[in-house]
Amino acid sequence: MKKKSGTHRAMPRMSIEELQALNTKALLARLKRLRICEDSPAQSDLTDEEIASVGNLILFKSDPAWVTAYRDLKQVLDGREHVEL
């Protein structure tokens, strides 16, 4: 059974400059979406056609673009304000 969001969970690539322009809430939402990406196409329930349809978007953690996106996002978040609980 396919996950509800299917290929809609694909994430656009963003430069560090684009990430820095986002507010912290948007960055945390992007972090959450990156974390729910599937591990690899081999473990996915998506068809090859569905995977190909996302083009240059990030869909799997096994994609080197995912690693870059996650690293860049964490770098930008590290420079943001921290709230003590």
C-alpha atoms as a PDB file:
ATOM      1  CA  MET A   1       0.000   0.000   0.000  1.00  0.00           C
ATOM      2  CA  LYS A   2       1.364   3.379  -0.966  1.00  0.00           C
ATOM      3  CA  LYS A   3       1.956   6.049   1.600  1.00  0.00           C
ATOM      4  CA  LYS A   4      -0.663   8.748   1.512  1.00  0.00           C
ATOM      5  CA  SER A   5       1.644  11.452   0.193  1.00  0.00           C
ATOM      6  CA  GLY A   6       3.374   9.440  -2.573  1.00  0.00           C
ATOM      7  CA  THR A   7       5.558  11.583  -4.781  1.00  0.00           C
ATOM      8  CA  HIS A   8       4.157  14.708  -3.113  1.00  0.00           C
ATOM      9  CA  ARG A   9       6.733  14.213  -0.381  1.00  0.00           C
ATOM     10  CA  ALA A  10       9.542  15.072  -2.833  1.00  0.00           C
ATOM     11  CA  MET A  11      11.561  18.077  -1.684  1.00  0.00           C
ATOM     12  CA  PRO A  12      13.075  20.835  -3.814  1.00  0.00           C
ATOM     13  CA  ARG A  13      16.786  21.494  -3.557  1.00  0.00           C
ATOM     14  CA  MET A  14      17.689  24.776  -1.872  1.00  0.00           C
ATOM     15  CA  SER A  15      20.905  26.731  -1.598  1.00  0.00           C
ATOM     16  CA  ILE A  16      22.256  27.880   1.765  1.00  0.00           C
ATOM     17  CA  GLU A  17      21.266  31.431   0.829  1.00  0.00           C
ATOM     18  CA  GLU A  18      17.666  30.314   0.220  1.00  0.00           C
ATOM     19  CA  LEU A  19      17.647  28.452   3.530  1.00  0.00           C
ATOM     20  CA  GLN A  20      18.981  31.490   5.404  1.00  0.00           C
ATOM     21  CA  ALA A  21      16.085  33.549   4.036  1.00  0.00           C
ATOM     22  CA  LEU A  22      13.541  31.203   5.650  1.00  0.00           C
ATOM     23  CA  ASN A  23      12.270  31.696   9.179  1.00  0.00           C
ATOM     24  CA  THR A  24      13.081  29.101  11.832  1.00  0.00           C
ATOM     25  CA  LYS A  25       9.598  27.584  11.725  1.00  0.00           C
ATOM     26  CA  ALA A  26       9.935  26.932   7.978  1.00  0.00           C
ATOM     27  CA  LEU A  27      13.398  25.439   8.483  1.00  0.00           C
ATOM     28  CA  LEU A  28      12.102  23.064  11.136  1.00  0.00           C
ATOM     29  CA  ALA A  29       9.244  22.037   8.844  1.00  0.00           C
ATOM     30  CA  ARG A  30      11.761  21.290   6.091  1.00  0.00           C
ATOM     31  CA  LEU A  31      13.849  19.264   8.551  1.00  0.00           C
ATOM     32  CA  LYS A  32      10.793  17.201   9.443  1.00  0.00           C
ATOM     33  CA  ARG A  33      10.026  16.556   5.771  1.00  0.00           C
ATOM     34  CA  LEU A  34      13.622  15.543   5.055  1.00  0.00           C
ATOM     35  CA  ARG A  35      13.549  13.100   7.952  1.00  0.00           C
ATOM     36  CA  ILE A  36      10.445  11.319   6.622  1.00  0.00           C
ATOM     37  CA  CYS A  37      11.961  10.674   3.212  1.00  0.00           C
ATOM     38  CA  GLU A  38      12.208   6.994   2.388  1.00  0.00           C
ATOM     39  CA  ASP A  39      15.612   5.344   2.625  1.00  0.00           C
ATOM     40  CA  SER A  40      16.030   4.203  -0.977  1.00  0.00           C
ATOM     41  CA  PRO A  41      14.143   3.382  -4.182  1.00  0.00           C
ATOM     42  CA  ALA A  42      14.668  -0.329  -3.500  1.00  0.00           C
ATOM     43  CA  GLN A  43      12.727  -0.047  -0.240  1.00  0.00           C
ATOM     44  CA  SER A  44      10.013   2.167  -1.701  1.00  0.00           C
ATOM     45  CA  ASP A  45       6.555   1.192  -2.840  1.00  0.00           C
ATOM     46  CA  LEU A  46       6.714   3.769  -5.652  1.00  0.00           C
ATOM     47  CA  THR A  47       6.945   2.600  -9.247  1.00  0.00           C
ATOM     48  CA  ASP A  48       9.921   3.509 -11.439  1.00  0.00           C
ATOM     49  CA  GLU A  49       7.646   5.852 -13.406  1.00  0.00           C
ATOM     50  CA  GLU A  50       6.540   7.659 -10.242  1.00  0.00           C
ATOM     51  CA  ILE A  51      10.133   8.043  -9.096  1.00  0.00           C
ATOM     52  CA  ALA A  52      11.167   9.388 -12.509  1.00  0.00           C
ATOM     53  CA  SER A  53       8.274  11.870 -12.457  1.00  0.00           C
ATOM     54  CA  VAL A  54       9.766  13.862  -9.565  1.00  0.00           C
ATOM     55  CA  GLY A  55      12.699  14.903 -11.740  1.00  0.00           C
ATOM     56  CA  ASN A  56      15.370  16.833  -9.843  1.00  0.00           C
ATOM     57  CA  LEU A  57      13.553  16.788  -6.490  1.00  0.00           C
ATOM     58  CA  ILE A  58      14.800  14.937  -3.401  1.00  0.00           C
ATOM     59  CA  LEU A  59      12.792  11.822  -2.605  1.00  0.00           C
ATOM     60  CA  PHE A  60      15.187   9.358  -0.932  1.00  0.00           C
ATOM     61  CA  LYS A  61      17.808   9.505   1.813  1.00  0.00           C
ATOM     62  CA  SER A  62      20.136   7.474  -0.397  1.00  0.00           C
ATOM     63  CA  ASP A  63      20.303  10.415  -2.824  1.00  0.00           C
ATOM     64  CA  PRO A  64      23.526  12.440  -2.325  1.00  0.00           C
ATOM     65  CA  ALA A  65      21.351  15.554  -2.671  1.00  0.00           C
ATOM     66  CA  TRP A  66      19.499  14.498   0.506  1.00  0.00           C
ATOM     67  CA  VAL A  67      22.776  14.362   2.438  1.00  0.00           C
ATOM     68  CA  THR A  68      23.721  17.829   1.171  1.00  0.00           C
ATOM     69  CA  ALA A  69      20.261  19.243   1.917  1.00  0.00           C
ATOM     70  CA  TYR A  70      20.282  17.819   5.444  1.00  0.00           C
ATOM     71  CA  ARG A  71      23.817  19.063   6.165  1.00  0.00           C
ATOM     72  CA  ASP A  72      23.070  22.570   4.831  1.00  0.00           C
ATOM     73  CA  LEU A  73      19.826  22.781   6.775  1.00  0.00           C
ATOM     74  CA  LYS A  74      21.498  21.711  10.030  1.00  0.00           C
ATOM     75  CA  GLN A  75      24.241  24.292   9.418  1.00  0.00           C
ATOM     76  CA  VAL A  76      21.693  27.095   9.055  1.00  0.00           C
ATOM     77  CA  LEU A  77      19.707  25.911  12.079  1.00  0.00           C
ATOM     78  CA  ASP A  78      22.881  25.831  14.201  1.00  0.00           C
ATOM     79  CA  GLY A  79      23.161  29.591  13.697  1.00  0.00           C
ATOM     80  CA  ARG A  80      19.585  30.296  14.804  1.00  0.00           C
ATOM     81  CA  GLU A  81      18.264  31.231  18.209  1.00  0.00           C
ATOM     82  CA  HIS A  82      17.784  28.506  20.806  1.00  0.00           C
ATOM     83  CA  VAL A  83      14.961  28.543  23.312  1.00  0.00           C
ATOM     84  CA  GLU A  84      15.522  27.073  26.770  1.00  0.00           C
ATOM     85  CA  LEU A  85      12.632  24.971  28.047  1.00  0.00           C
END
